[in-house]
């Protein structure tokens, strides 16, 4: 525990009973003895423990950039499911189009209409 943490704990320990009494003074309670077990020293004991540290299990390249997705998670999932579902249908459709030599459904426009300046 460094000096600043120790000082803040000591300061809290000296000021806490007065602050709590003033804060809790006007509150309605069923049992006033419920607050007699509170000890200001117990607040600082948690900071004595060493903080937990994350230890990575894999090495990631340092030039890796984390970017958030622009699309919604639900929409992305639905698109993936739709692509999985329709991937077989697209292949079947491409094979049938190659087998049949039918004229294309869309024809090129042969007459060119000039747009009028009134519209």
PDB file of N, CA and C in Angstrom:
ATOM      1  N   UNK A   1       0.860  -1.167   0.000  1.00  0.00           N
ATOM      2  CA  UNK A   1       0.000   0.000   0.000  1.00  0.00           C
ATOM      3  C   UNK A   1       0.903   1.226   0.000  1.00  0.00           C
ATOM      4  N   UNK A   2       0.715   2.115  -0.929  1.00  0.00           N
ATOM      5  CA  UNK A   2       1.561   3.300  -0.983  1.00  0.00           C
ATOM      6  C   UNK A   2       1.058   4.363  -0.008  1.00  0.00           C
ATOM      7  N   UNK A   3       1.814   5.433   0.093  1.00  0.00           N
ATOM      8  CA  UNK A   3       1.538   6.476   1.084  1.00  0.00           C
ATOM      9  C   UNK A   3       0.183   7.145   0.846  1.00  0.00           C
ATOM     10  N   UNK A   4      -0.154   7.394  -0.402  1.00  0.00           N
ATOM     11  CA  UNK A   4      -1.416   8.075  -0.699  1.00  0.00           C
ATOM     12  C   UNK A   4      -2.622   7.215  -0.305  1.00  0.00           C
ATOM     13  N   UNK A   5      -2.575   5.916  -0.593  1.00  0.00           N
ATOM     14  CA  UNK A   5      -3.673   5.032  -0.210  1.00  0.00           C
ATOM     15  C   UNK A   5      -3.798   4.952   1.309  1.00  0.00           C
ATOM     16  N   UNK A   6      -2.668   4.855   2.006  1.00  0.00           N
ATOM     17  CA  UNK A   6      -2.682   4.780   3.462  1.00  0.00           C
ATOM     18  C   UNK A   6      -3.293   6.050   4.043  1.00  0.00           C
ATOM     19  N   UNK A   7      -2.907   7.208   3.485  1.00  0.00           N
ATOM     20  CA  UNK A   7      -3.415   8.481   3.977  1.00  0.00           C
ATOM     21  C   UNK A   7      -4.920   8.593   3.746  1.00  0.00           C
ATOM     22  N   UNK A   8      -5.391   8.145   2.546  1.00  0.00           N
ATOM     23  CA  UNK A   8      -6.824   8.238   2.266  1.00  0.00           C
ATOM     24  C   UNK A   8      -7.623   7.304   3.170  1.00  0.00           C
ATOM     25  N   UNK A   9      -7.069   6.118   3.498  1.00  0.00           N
ATOM     26  CA  UNK A   9      -7.760   5.205   4.406  1.00  0.00           C
ATOM     27  C   UNK A   9      -7.835   5.787   5.812  1.00  0.00           C
ATOM     28  N   UNK A  10      -6.742   6.400   6.256  1.00  0.00           N
ATOM     29  CA  UNK A  10      -6.747   7.009   7.587  1.00  0.00           C
ATOM     30  C   UNK A  10      -7.732   8.169   7.636  1.00  0.00           C
ATOM     31  N   UNK A  11      -7.775   8.954   6.575  1.00  0.00           N
ATOM     32  CA  UNK A  11      -8.694  10.079   6.520  1.00  0.00           C
ATOM     33  C   UNK A  11     -10.144   9.594   6.553  1.00  0.00           C
ATOM     34  N   UNK A  12     -10.436   8.537   5.775  1.00  0.00           N
ATOM     35  CA  UNK A  12     -11.781   7.980   5.766  1.00  0.00           C
ATOM     36  C   UNK A  12     -12.151   7.410   7.130  1.00  0.00           C
ATOM     37  N   UNK A  13     -11.197   6.762   7.776  1.00  0.00           N
ATOM     38  CA  UNK A  13     -11.472   6.148   9.072  1.00  0.00           C
ATOM     39  C   UNK A  13     -11.801   7.200  10.121  1.00  0.00           C
ATOM     40  N   UNK A  14     -11.174   8.359  10.032  1.00  0.00           N
ATOM     41  CA  UNK A  14     -11.446   9.396  11.030  1.00  0.00           C
ATOM     42  C   UNK A  14     -12.729  10.147  10.725  1.00  0.00           C
ATOM     43  N   UNK A  15     -13.082  10.283   9.451  1.00  0.00           N
ATOM     44  CA  UNK A  15     -14.247  11.085   9.096  1.00  0.00           C
ATOM     45  C   UNK A  15     -15.527  10.265   8.936  1.00  0.00           C
ATOM     46  N   UNK A  16     -15.426   8.981   8.693  1.00  0.00           N
ATOM     47  CA  UNK A  16     -16.585   8.167   8.344  1.00  0.00           C
ATOM     48  C   UNK A  16     -17.669   8.133   9.417  1.00  0.00           C
ATOM     49  N   UNK A  17     -17.361   7.923  10.699  1.00  0.00           N
ATOM     50  CA  UNK A  17     -18.456   7.844  11.671  1.00  0.00           C
ATOM     51  C   UNK A  17     -19.307   9.108  11.717  1.00  0.00           C
ATOM     52  N   UNK A  18     -18.687  10.275  11.643  1.00  0.00           N
ATOM     53  CA  UNK A  18     -19.456  11.513  11.681  1.00  0.00           C
ATOM     54  C   UNK A  18     -20.287  11.687  10.422  1.00  0.00           C
ATOM     55  N   UNK A  19     -19.678  11.371   9.293  1.00  0.00           N
ATOM     56  CA  UNK A  19     -20.392  11.511   8.026  1.00  0.00           C
ATOM     57  C   UNK A  19     -21.579  10.559   7.988  1.00  0.00           C
ATOM     58  N   UNK A  20     -21.375   9.301   8.397  1.00  0.00           N
ATOM     59  CA  UNK A  20     -22.468   8.321   8.381  1.00  0.00           C
ATOM     60  C   UNK A  20     -23.577   8.710   9.342  1.00  0.00           C
ATOM     61  N   UNK A  21     -23.212   9.200  10.507  1.00  0.00           N
ATOM     62  CA  UNK A  21     -24.239   9.602  11.470  1.00  0.00           C
ATOM     63  C   UNK A  21     -25.087  10.733  10.906  1.00  0.00           C
ATOM     64  N   UNK A  22     -24.424  11.708  10.299  1.00  0.00           N
ATOM     65  CA  UNK A  22     -25.176  12.833   9.738  1.00  0.00           C
ATOM     66  C   UNK A  22     -26.023  12.403   8.541  1.00  0.00           C
ATOM     67  N   UNK A  23     -25.488  11.505   7.743  1.00  0.00           N
ATOM     68  CA  UNK A  23     -26.194  11.053   6.553  1.00  0.00           C
ATOM     69  C   UNK A  23     -27.408  10.207   6.930  1.00  0.00           C
ATOM     70  N   UNK A  24     -27.240   9.339   7.912  1.00  0.00           N
ATOM     71  CA  UNK A  24     -28.296   8.411   8.295  1.00  0.00           C
ATOM     72  C   UNK A  24     -29.248   8.983   9.340  1.00  0.00           C
ATOM     73  N   UNK A  25     -28.999  10.204   9.768  1.00  0.00           N
ATOM     74  CA  UNK A  25     -29.744  10.778  10.887  1.00  0.00           C
ATOM     75  C   UNK A  25     -31.250  10.835  10.633  1.00  0.00           C
ATOM     76  N   UNK A  26     -31.678  11.317   9.487  1.00  0.00           N
ATOM     77  CA  UNK A  26     -33.103  11.510   9.245  1.00  0.00           C
ATOM     78  C   UNK A  26     -33.785  10.373   8.515  1.00  0.00           C
ATOM     79  N   UNK A  27     -33.071   9.284   8.236  1.00  0.00           N
ATOM     80  CA  UNK A  27     -33.675   8.187   7.477  1.00  0.00           C
ATOM     81  C   UNK A  27     -34.561   7.325   8.373  1.00  0.00           C
ATOM     82  N   UNK A  28     -35.674   6.847   7.836  1.00  0.00           N
ATOM     83  CA  UNK A  28     -36.524   5.961   8.639  1.00  0.00           C
ATOM     84  C   UNK A  28     -35.911   4.564   8.703  1.00  0.00           C
ATOM     85  N   UNK A  29     -35.826   3.996   9.907  1.00  0.00           N
ATOM     86  CA  UNK A  29     -35.278   2.648  10.083  1.00  0.00           C
ATOM     87  C   UNK A  29     -36.187   1.874  11.025  1.00  0.00           C
ATOM     88  N   UNK A  30     -36.213   0.578  10.828  1.00  0.00           N
ATOM     89  CA  UNK A  30     -36.987  -0.268  11.727  1.00  0.00           C
ATOM     90  C   UNK A  30     -36.187  -0.594  12.981  1.00  0.00           C
ATOM     91  N   UNK A  31     -34.871  -0.792  12.786  1.00  0.00           N
ATOM     92  CA  UNK A  31     -34.027  -1.172  13.907  1.00  0.00           C
ATOM     93  C   UNK A  31     -32.768  -0.321  13.866  1.00  0.00           C
ATOM     94  N   UNK A  32     -32.597   0.552  14.818  1.00  0.00           N
ATOM     95  CA  UNK A  32     -31.431   1.434  14.832  1.00  0.00           C
ATOM     96  C   UNK A  32     -30.149   0.672  15.115  1.00  0.00           C
ATOM     97  N   UNK A  33     -30.223  -0.496  15.707  1.00  0.00           N
ATOM     98  CA  UNK A  33     -29.032  -1.291  16.016  1.00  0.00           C
ATOM     99  C   UNK A  33     -28.436  -1.941  14.769  1.00  0.00           C
ATOM    100  N   UNK A  34     -29.122  -1.901  13.645  1.00  0.00           N
ATOM    101  CA  UNK A  34     -28.601  -2.489  12.408  1.00  0.00           C
ATOM    102  C   UNK A  34     -27.332  -1.791  11.951  1.00  0.00           C
ATOM    103  N   UNK A  35     -27.176  -0.515  12.293  1.00  0.00           N
ATOM    104  CA  UNK A  35     -26.022   0.239  11.834  1.00  0.00           C
ATOM    105  C   UNK A  35     -24.888   0.254  12.849  1.00  0.00           C
ATOM    106  N   UNK A  36     -25.025  -0.427  13.958  1.00  0.00           N
ATOM    107  CA  UNK A  36     -23.969  -0.418  14.973  1.00  0.00           C
ATOM    108  C   UNK A  36     -22.826  -1.344  14.600  1.00  0.00           C
ATOM    109  N   UNK A  37     -23.021  -2.272  13.689  1.00  0.00           N
ATOM    110  CA  UNK A  37     -21.977  -3.222  13.301  1.00  0.00           C
ATOM    111  C   UNK A  37     -21.042  -2.675  12.228  1.00  0.00           C
ATOM    112  N   UNK A  38     -21.331  -1.519  11.683  1.00  0.00           N
ATOM    113  CA  UNK A  38     -20.500  -0.940  10.626  1.00  0.00           C
ATOM    114  C   UNK A  38     -19.188  -0.442  11.214  1.00  0.00           C
ATOM    115  N   UNK A  39     -18.064  -0.851  10.586  1.00  0.00           N
ATOM    116  CA  UNK A  39     -16.736  -0.397  11.002  1.00  0.00           C
ATOM    117  C   UNK A  39     -16.075   0.248   9.799  1.00  0.00           C
ATOM    118  N   UNK A  40     -15.590   1.441   9.986  1.00  0.00           N
ATOM    119  CA  UNK A  40     -14.965   2.179   8.890  1.00  0.00           C
ATOM    120  C   UNK A  40     -13.654   1.540   8.467  1.00  0.00           C
ATOM    121  N   UNK A  41     -12.990   0.815   9.357  1.00  0.00           N
ATOM    122  CA  UNK A  41     -11.705   0.197   9.026  1.00  0.00           C
ATOM    123  C   UNK A  41     -11.871  -0.925   8.004  1.00  0.00           C
ATOM    124  N   UNK A  42     -13.023  -1.559   7.959  1.00  0.00           N
ATOM    125  CA  UNK A  42     -13.225  -2.671   7.037  1.00  0.00           C
ATOM    126  C   UNK A  42     -13.241  -2.208   5.585  1.00  0.00           C
ATOM    127  N   UNK A  43     -13.475  -0.937   5.346  1.00  0.00           N
ATOM    128  CA  UNK A  43     -13.507  -0.405   3.984  1.00  0.00           C
ATOM    129  C   UNK A  43     -12.120  -0.441   3.372  1.00  0.00           C
ATOM    130  N   UNK A  44     -11.103  -0.159   4.139  1.00  0.00           N
ATOM    131  CA  UNK A  44      -9.738  -0.065   3.622  1.00  0.00           C
ATOM    132  C   UNK A  44      -9.055  -1.419   3.500  1.00  0.00           C
ATOM    133  N   UNK A  45      -9.552  -2.461   4.137  1.00  0.00           N
ATOM    134  CA  UNK A  45      -8.891  -3.763   4.111  1.00  0.00           C
ATOM    135  C   UNK A  45      -8.894  -4.379   2.717  1.00  0.00           C
ATOM    136  N   UNK A  46      -9.871  -4.080   1.913  1.00  0.00           N
ATOM    137  CA  UNK A  46      -9.947  -4.658   0.570  1.00  0.00           C
ATOM    138  C   UNK A  46      -8.813  -4.164  -0.313  1.00  0.00           C
ATOM    139  N   UNK A  47      -8.291  -2.970  -0.056  1.00  0.00           N
ATOM    140  CA  UNK A  47      -7.222  -2.438  -0.892  1.00  0.00           C
ATOM    141  C   UNK A  47      -5.864  -3.040  -0.553  1.00  0.00           C
ATOM    142  N   UNK A  48      -5.772  -3.839   0.526  1.00  0.00           N
ATOM    143  CA  UNK A  48      -4.507  -4.480   0.882  1.00  0.00           C
ATOM    144  C   UNK A  48      -4.180  -5.625  -0.060  1.00  0.00           C
ATOM    145  N   UNK A  49      -5.188  -6.194  -0.684  1.00  0.00           N
ATOM    146  CA  UNK A  49      -4.944  -7.305  -1.601  1.00  0.00           C
ATOM    147  C   UNK A  49      -4.279  -6.815  -2.877  1.00  0.00           C
ATOM    148  N   UNK A  50      -3.530  -7.689  -3.462  1.00  0.00           N
ATOM    149  CA  UNK A  50      -2.879  -7.375  -4.728  1.00  0.00           C
ATOM    150  C   UNK A  50      -3.916  -7.456  -5.846  1.00  0.00           C
ATOM    151  N   UNK A  51      -3.944  -6.474  -6.737  1.00  0.00           N
ATOM    152  CA  UNK A  51      -4.947  -6.514  -7.809  1.00  0.00           C
ATOM    153  C   UNK A  51      -4.678  -7.665  -8.775  1.00  0.00           C
ATOM    154  N   UNK A  52      -5.744  -8.229  -9.327  1.00  0.00           N
ATOM    155  CA  UNK A  52      -5.591  -9.326 -10.276  1.00  0.00           C
ATOM    156  C   UNK A  52      -5.034  -8.792 -11.589  1.00  0.00           C
ATOM    157  N   UNK A  53      -4.230  -9.612 -12.232  1.00  0.00           N
ATOM    158  CA  UNK A  53      -3.552  -9.214 -13.468  1.00  0.00           C
ATOM    159  C   UNK A  53      -3.951 -10.189 -14.562  1.00  0.00           C
ATOM    160  N   UNK A  54      -4.237  -9.662 -15.740  1.00  0.00           N
ATOM    161  CA  UNK A  54      -4.579 -10.490 -16.889  1.00  0.00           C
ATOM    162  C   UNK A  54      -3.300 -10.989 -17.534  1.00  0.00           C
ATOM    163  N   UNK A  55      -3.176 -12.300 -17.673  1.00  0.00           N
ATOM    164  CA  UNK A  55      -2.033 -12.899 -18.348  1.00  0.00           C
ATOM    165  C   UNK A  55      -2.525 -13.537 -19.639  1.00  0.00           C
ATOM    166  N   UNK A  56      -2.146 -12.984 -20.783  1.00  0.00           N
ATOM    167  CA  UNK A  56      -2.633 -13.532 -22.054  1.00  0.00           C
ATOM    168  C   UNK A  56      -2.044 -14.910 -22.317  1.00  0.00           C
ATOM    169  N   UNK A  57      -2.821 -15.771 -22.954  1.00  0.00           N
ATOM    170  CA  UNK A  57      -2.357 -17.116 -23.278  1.00  0.00           C
ATOM    171  C   UNK A  57      -1.806 -17.200 -24.693  1.00  0.00           C
ATOM    172  N   UNK A  58      -2.103 -16.222 -25.514  1.00  0.00           N
ATOM    173  CA  UNK A  58      -1.598 -16.207 -26.891  1.00  0.00           C
ATOM    174  C   UNK A  58      -0.865 -14.908 -27.159  1.00  0.00           C
ATOM    175  N   UNK A  59       0.039 -14.974 -28.112  1.00  0.00           N
ATOM    176  CA  UNK A  59       0.758 -13.773 -28.548  1.00  0.00           C
ATOM    177  C   UNK A  59       0.056 -13.223 -29.781  1.00  0.00           C
ATOM    178  N   UNK A  60      -0.356 -11.983 -29.714  1.00  0.00           N
ATOM    179  CA  UNK A  60      -0.990 -11.331 -30.847  1.00  0.00           C
ATOM    180  C   UNK A  60      -0.001 -10.351 -31.464  1.00  0.00           C
ATOM    181  N   UNK A  61      -0.033 -10.188 -32.790  1.00  0.00           N
ATOM    182  CA  UNK A  61       0.893  -9.238 -33.415  1.00  0.00           C
ATOM    183  C   UNK A  61       0.639  -7.820 -32.916  1.00  0.00           C
ATOM    184  N   UNK A  62       1.710  -7.061 -32.760  1.00  0.00           N
ATOM    185  CA  UNK A  62       1.583  -5.709 -32.220  1.00  0.00           C
ATOM    186  C   UNK A  62       0.911  -4.758 -33.206  1.00  0.00           C
ATOM    187  N   UNK A  63       0.962  -5.067 -34.503  1.00  0.00           N
ATOM    188  CA  UNK A  63       0.352  -4.181 -35.495  1.00  0.00           C
ATOM    189  C   UNK A  63      -1.135  -4.479 -35.707  1.00  0.00           C
ATOM    190  N   UNK A  64      -1.686  -5.386 -34.910  1.00  0.00           N
ATOM    191  CA  UNK A  64      -3.096  -5.738 -35.037  1.00  0.00           C
ATOM    192  C   UNK A  64      -3.962  -4.565 -34.597  1.00  0.00           C
ATOM    193  N   UNK A  65      -4.963  -4.249 -35.412  1.00  0.00           N
ATOM    194  CA  UNK A  65      -5.866  -3.138 -35.124  1.00  0.00           C
ATOM    195  C   UNK A  65      -7.248  -3.709 -34.844  1.00  0.00           C
ATOM    196  N   UNK A  66      -7.831  -3.321 -33.734  1.00  0.00           N
ATOM    197  CA  UNK A  66      -9.169  -3.771 -33.371  1.00  0.00           C
ATOM    198  C   UNK A  66     -10.168  -2.751 -33.894  1.00  0.00           C
ATOM    199  N   UNK A  67     -11.096  -3.219 -34.722  1.00  0.00           N
ATOM    200  CA  UNK A  67     -12.077  -2.344 -35.354  1.00  0.00           C
ATOM    201  C   UNK A  67     -13.464  -2.865 -35.011  1.00  0.00           C
ATOM    202  N   UNK A  68     -14.364  -1.970 -34.700  1.00  0.00           N
ATOM    203  CA  UNK A  68     -15.733  -2.386 -34.416  1.00  0.00           C
ATOM    204  C   UNK A  68     -16.501  -2.552 -35.720  1.00  0.00           C
ATOM    205  N   UNK A  69     -17.428  -3.486 -35.700  1.00  0.00           N
ATOM    206  CA  UNK A  69     -18.247  -3.742 -36.878  1.00  0.00           C
ATOM    207  C   UNK A  69     -19.268  -2.629 -37.050  1.00  0.00           C
ATOM    208  N   UNK A  70     -19.528  -2.266 -38.286  1.00  0.00           N
ATOM    209  CA  UNK A  70     -20.498  -1.212 -38.574  1.00  0.00           C
ATOM    210  C   UNK A  70     -21.926  -1.740 -38.531  1.00  0.00           C
ATOM    211  N   UNK A  71     -22.104  -3.032 -38.873  1.00  0.00           N
ATOM    212  CA  UNK A  71     -23.455  -3.576 -38.944  1.00  0.00           C
ATOM    213  C   UNK A  71     -23.882  -4.135 -37.593  1.00  0.00           C
ATOM    214  N   UNK A  72     -25.167  -4.229 -37.416  1.00  0.00           N
ATOM    215  CA  UNK A  72     -25.751  -4.773 -36.206  1.00  0.00           C
ATOM    216  C   UNK A  72     -25.453  -6.269 -36.124  1.00  0.00           C
ATOM    217  N   UNK A  73     -25.276  -6.791 -34.914  1.00  0.00           N
ATOM    218  CA  UNK A  73     -24.955  -8.203 -34.730  1.00  0.00           C
ATOM    219  C   UNK A  73     -26.085  -9.083 -35.254  1.00  0.00           C
ATOM    220  N   UNK A  74     -27.308  -8.715 -34.962  1.00  0.00           N
ATOM    221  CA  UNK A  74     -28.451  -9.508 -35.402  1.00  0.00           C
ATOM    222  C   UNK A  74     -28.558  -9.522 -36.920  1.00  0.00           C
ATOM    223  N   UNK A  75     -28.383  -8.357 -37.557  1.00  0.00           N
ATOM    224  CA  UNK A  75     -28.444  -8.306 -39.023  1.00  0.00           C
ATOM    225  C   UNK A  75     -27.326  -9.136 -39.649  1.00  0.00           C
ATOM    226  N   UNK A  76     -26.122  -9.058 -39.072  1.00  0.00           N
ATOM    227  CA  UNK A  76     -25.004  -9.835 -39.594  1.00  0.00           C
ATOM    228  C   UNK A  76     -25.302 -11.329 -39.492  1.00  0.00           C
ATOM    229  N   UNK A  77     -25.849 -11.755 -38.359  1.00  0.00           N
ATOM    230  CA  UNK A  77     -26.196 -13.161 -38.165  1.00  0.00           C
ATOM    231  C   UNK A  77     -27.256 -13.602 -39.174  1.00  0.00           C
ATOM    232  N   UNK A  78     -28.286 -12.785 -39.360  1.00  0.00           N
ATOM    233  CA  UNK A  78     -29.350 -13.135 -40.306  1.00  0.00           C
ATOM    234  C   UNK A  78     -28.826 -13.218 -41.737  1.00  0.00           C
ATOM    235  N   UNK A  79     -27.932 -12.303 -42.104  1.00  0.00           N
ATOM    236  CA  UNK A  79     -27.336 -12.362 -43.448  1.00  0.00           C
ATOM    237  C   UNK A  79     -26.508 -13.630 -43.620  1.00  0.00           C
ATOM    238  N   UNK A  80     -25.761 -14.015 -42.599  1.00  0.00           N
ATOM    239  CA  UNK A  80     -24.965 -15.238 -42.684  1.00  0.00           C
ATOM    240  C   UNK A  80     -25.864 -16.459 -42.849  1.00  0.00           C
ATOM    241  N   UNK A  81     -26.946 -16.513 -42.080  1.00  0.00           N
ATOM    242  CA  UNK A  81     -27.870 -17.639 -42.183  1.00  0.00           C
ATOM    243  C   UNK A  81     -28.533 -17.675 -43.553  1.00  0.00           C
ATOM    244  N   UNK A  82     -28.907 -16.515 -44.069  1.00  0.00           N
ATOM    245  CA  UNK A  82     -29.533 -16.447 -45.383  1.00  0.00           C
ATOM    246  C   UNK A  82     -28.552 -16.900 -46.463  1.00  0.00           C
ATOM    247  N   UNK A  83     -27.274 -16.470 -46.338  1.00  0.00           N
ATOM    248  CA  UNK A  83     -26.262 -16.885 -47.311  1.00  0.00           C
ATOM    249  C   UNK A  83     -26.046 -18.393 -47.264  1.00  0.00           C
ATOM    250  N   UNK A  84     -26.014 -18.974 -46.059  1.00  0.00           N
ATOM    251  CA  UNK A  84     -25.843 -20.421 -45.937  1.00  0.00           C
ATOM    252  C   UNK A  84     -27.022 -21.157 -46.563  1.00  0.00           C
ATOM    253  N   UNK A  85     -28.210 -20.649 -46.318  1.00  0.00           N
ATOM    254  CA  UNK A  85     -29.421 -21.295 -46.808  1.00  0.00           C
ATOM    255  C   UNK A  85     -29.521 -21.220 -48.327  1.00  0.00           C
ATOM    256  N   UNK A  86     -29.160 -20.101 -48.898  1.00  0.00           N
ATOM    257  CA  UNK A  86     -29.340 -19.882 -50.333  1.00  0.00           C
ATOM    258  C   UNK A  86     -28.100 -20.181 -51.159  1.00  0.00           C
ATOM    259  N   UNK A  87     -27.001 -20.596 -50.545  1.00  0.00           N
ATOM    260  CA  UNK A  87     -25.789 -20.865 -51.331  1.00  0.00           C
ATOM    261  C   UNK A  87     -26.004 -22.057 -52.264  1.00  0.00           C
ATOM    262  N   UNK A  88     -26.701 -23.092 -51.813  1.00  0.00           N
ATOM    263  CA  UNK A  88     -26.986 -24.249 -52.662  1.00  0.00           C
ATOM    264  C   UNK A  88     -27.945 -23.898 -53.779  1.00  0.00           C
ATOM    265  N   UNK A  89     -28.923 -23.061 -53.518  1.00  0.00           N
ATOM    266  CA  UNK A  89     -29.903 -22.662 -54.528  1.00  0.00           C
ATOM    267  C   UNK A  89     -29.246 -21.854 -55.637  1.00  0.00           C
ATOM    268  N   UNK A  90     -28.283 -21.013 -55.284  1.00  0.00           N
ATOM    269  CA  UNK A  90     -27.593 -20.214 -56.299  1.00  0.00           C
ATOM    270  C   UNK A  90     -26.808 -21.113 -57.245  1.00  0.00           C
ATOM    271  N   UNK A  91     -26.149 -22.132 -56.685  1.00  0.00           N
ATOM    272  CA  UNK A  91     -25.369 -23.040 -57.532  1.00  0.00           C
ATOM    273  C   UNK A  91     -26.278 -23.810 -58.484  1.00  0.00           C
ATOM    274  N   UNK A  92     -27.408 -24.273 -57.964  1.00  0.00           N
ATOM    275  CA  UNK A  92     -28.355 -25.001 -58.807  1.00  0.00           C
ATOM    276  C   UNK A  92     -28.895 -24.106 -59.912  1.00  0.00           C
ATOM    277  N   UNK A  93     -29.175 -22.865 -59.598  1.00  0.00           N
ATOM    278  CA  UNK A  93     -29.712 -21.932 -60.578  1.00  0.00           C
ATOM    279  C   UNK A  93     -28.669 -21.645 -61.660  1.00  0.00           C
ATOM    280  N   UNK A  94     -27.402 -21.505 -61.277  1.00  0.00           N
ATOM    281  CA  UNK A  94     -26.346 -21.251 -62.260  1.00  0.00           C
ATOM    282  C   UNK A  94     -26.186 -22.442 -63.198  1.00  0.00           C
ATOM    283  N   UNK A  95     -26.286 -23.660 -62.665  1.00  0.00           N
ATOM    284  CA  UNK A  95     -26.141 -24.849 -63.503  1.00  0.00           C
ATOM    285  C   UNK A  95     -27.305 -24.973 -64.485  1.00  0.00           C
ATOM    286  N   UNK A  96     -28.508 -24.680 -64.054  1.00  0.00           N
ATOM    287  CA  UNK A  96     -29.655 -24.788 -64.961  1.00  0.00           C
ATOM    288  C   UNK A  96     -29.600 -23.711 -66.030  1.00  0.00           C
ATOM    289  N   UNK A  97     -29.076 -22.539 -65.698  1.00  0.00           N
ATOM    290  CA  UNK A  97     -28.950 -21.476 -66.699  1.00  0.00           C
ATOM    291  C   UNK A  97     -27.925 -21.855 -67.762  1.00  0.00           C
ATOM    292  N   UNK A  98     -26.860 -22.546 -67.358  1.00  0.00           N
ATOM    293  CA  UNK A  98     -25.847 -22.965 -68.326  1.00  0.00           C
ATOM    294  C   UNK A  98     -26.393 -24.063 -69.238  1.00  0.00           C
ATOM    295  N   UNK A  99     -27.225 -24.938 -68.681  1.00  0.00           N
ATOM    296  CA  UNK A  99     -27.769 -26.043 -69.466  1.00  0.00           C
ATOM    297  C   UNK A  99     -28.785 -25.557 -70.498  1.00  0.00           C
ATOM    298  N   UNK A 100     -29.643 -24.662 -70.139  1.00  0.00           N
ATOM    299  CA  UNK A 100     -30.664 -24.183 -71.068  1.00  0.00           C
ATOM    300  C   UNK A 100     -30.140 -22.959 -71.807  1.00  0.00           C
ATOM    301  N   UNK A 101     -30.348 -22.960 -73.111  1.00  0.00           N
ATOM    302  CA  UNK A 101     -29.894 -21.853 -73.936  1.00  0.00           C
ATOM    303  C   UNK A 101     -31.115 -21.005 -74.276  1.00  0.00           C
ATOM    304  N   UNK A 102     -31.727 -20.460 -73.292  1.00  0.00           N
ATOM    305  CA  UNK A 102     -32.908 -19.626 -73.481  1.00  0.00           C
ATOM    306  C   UNK A 102     -32.453 -18.181 -73.630  1.00  0.00           C
ATOM    307  N   UNK A 103     -33.266 -17.371 -74.286  1.00  0.00           N
ATOM    308  CA  UNK A 103     -32.892 -15.968 -74.412  1.00  0.00           C
ATOM    309  C   UNK A 103     -32.897 -15.300 -73.031  1.00  0.00           C
ATOM    310  N   UNK A 104     -32.100 -14.308 -72.859  1.00  0.00           N
ATOM    311  CA  UNK A 104     -32.039 -13.651 -71.550  1.00  0.00           C
ATOM    312  C   UNK A 104     -33.377 -13.000 -71.210  1.00  0.00           C
ATOM    313  N   UNK A 105     -33.671 -12.949 -69.936  1.00  0.00           N
ATOM    314  CA  UNK A 105     -34.955 -12.388 -69.511  1.00  0.00           C
ATOM    315  C   UNK A 105     -35.009 -10.889 -69.750  1.00  0.00           C
ATOM    316  N   UNK A 106     -33.899 -10.228 -69.654  1.00  0.00           N
ATOM    317  CA  UNK A 106     -33.883  -8.786 -69.873  1.00  0.00           C
ATOM    318  C   UNK A 106     -33.272  -8.518 -71.240  1.00  0.00           C
ATOM    319  N   UNK A 107     -33.940  -7.716 -71.998  1.00  0.00           N
ATOM    320  CA  UNK A 107     -33.458  -7.371 -73.332  1.00  0.00           C
ATOM    321  C   UNK A 107     -32.910  -5.956 -73.312  1.00  0.00           C
ATOM    322  N   UNK A 108     -31.913  -5.728 -74.128  1.00  0.00           N
ATOM    323  CA  UNK A 108     -31.336  -4.393 -74.228  1.00  0.00           C
ATOM    324  C   UNK A 108     -32.337  -3.483 -74.916  1.00  0.00           C
ATOM    325  N   UNK A 109     -32.382  -2.266 -74.512  1.00  0.00           N
ATOM    326  CA  UNK A 109     -33.316  -1.294 -75.078  1.00  0.00           C
ATOM    327  C   UNK A 109     -32.787  -0.833 -76.431  1.00  0.00           C
ATOM    328  N   UNK A 110     -33.606  -0.961 -77.455  1.00  0.00           N
ATOM    329  CA  UNK A 110     -33.156  -0.590 -78.792  1.00  0.00           C
ATOM    330  C   UNK A 110     -33.599   0.808 -79.174  1.00  0.00           C
ATOM    331  N   UNK A 111     -34.756   1.237 -78.692  1.00  0.00           N
ATOM    332  CA  UNK A 111     -35.205   2.591 -79.031  1.00  0.00           C
ATOM    333  C   UNK A 111     -34.714   3.552 -77.951  1.00  0.00           C
ATOM    334  N   UNK A 112     -34.147   4.633 -78.384  1.00  0.00           N
ATOM    335  CA  UNK A 112     -33.633   5.610 -77.422  1.00  0.00           C
ATOM    336  C   UNK A 112     -34.561   6.805 -77.420  1.00  0.00           C
ATOM    337  N   UNK A 113     -35.190   7.041 -76.300  1.00  0.00           N
ATOM    338  CA  UNK A 113     -36.085   8.181 -76.177  1.00  0.00           C
ATOM    339  C   UNK A 113     -35.320   9.317 -75.529  1.00  0.00           C
ATOM    340  N   UNK A 114     -35.376  10.472 -76.158  1.00  0.00           N
ATOM    341  CA  UNK A 114     -34.716  11.656 -75.617  1.00  0.00           C
ATOM    342  C   UNK A 114     -35.626  12.268 -74.564  1.00  0.00           C
ATOM    343  N   UNK A 115     -35.139  12.582 -73.390  1.00  0.00           N
ATOM    344  CA  UNK A 115     -36.001  13.219 -72.386  1.00  0.00           C
ATOM    345  C   UNK A 115     -36.321  14.650 -72.799  1.00  0.00           C
ATOM    346  N   UNK A 116     -37.552  15.031 -72.602  1.00  0.00           N
ATOM    347  CA  UNK A 116     -37.966  16.391 -72.953  1.00  0.00           C
ATOM    348  C   UNK A 116     -37.558  17.340 -71.845  1.00  0.00           C
ATOM    349  N   UNK A 117     -37.423  18.634 -72.211  1.00  0.00           N
ATOM    350  CA  UNK A 117     -36.991  19.612 -71.229  1.00  0.00           C
ATOM    351  C   UNK A 117     -38.127  20.041 -70.314  1.00  0.00           C
ATOM    352  N   UNK A 118     -39.384  19.686 -70.648  1.00  0.00           N
ATOM    353  CA  UNK A 118     -40.519  20.043 -69.805  1.00  0.00           C
ATOM    354  C   UNK A 118     -40.527  19.239 -68.511  1.00  0.00           C
ATOM    355  N   UNK A 119     -40.044  18.032 -68.525  1.00  0.00           N
ATOM    356  CA  UNK A 119     -40.116  17.191 -67.336  1.00  0.00           C
ATOM    357  C   UNK A 119     -38.936  17.345 -66.435  1.00  0.00           C
TER     358      UNK A 119
END
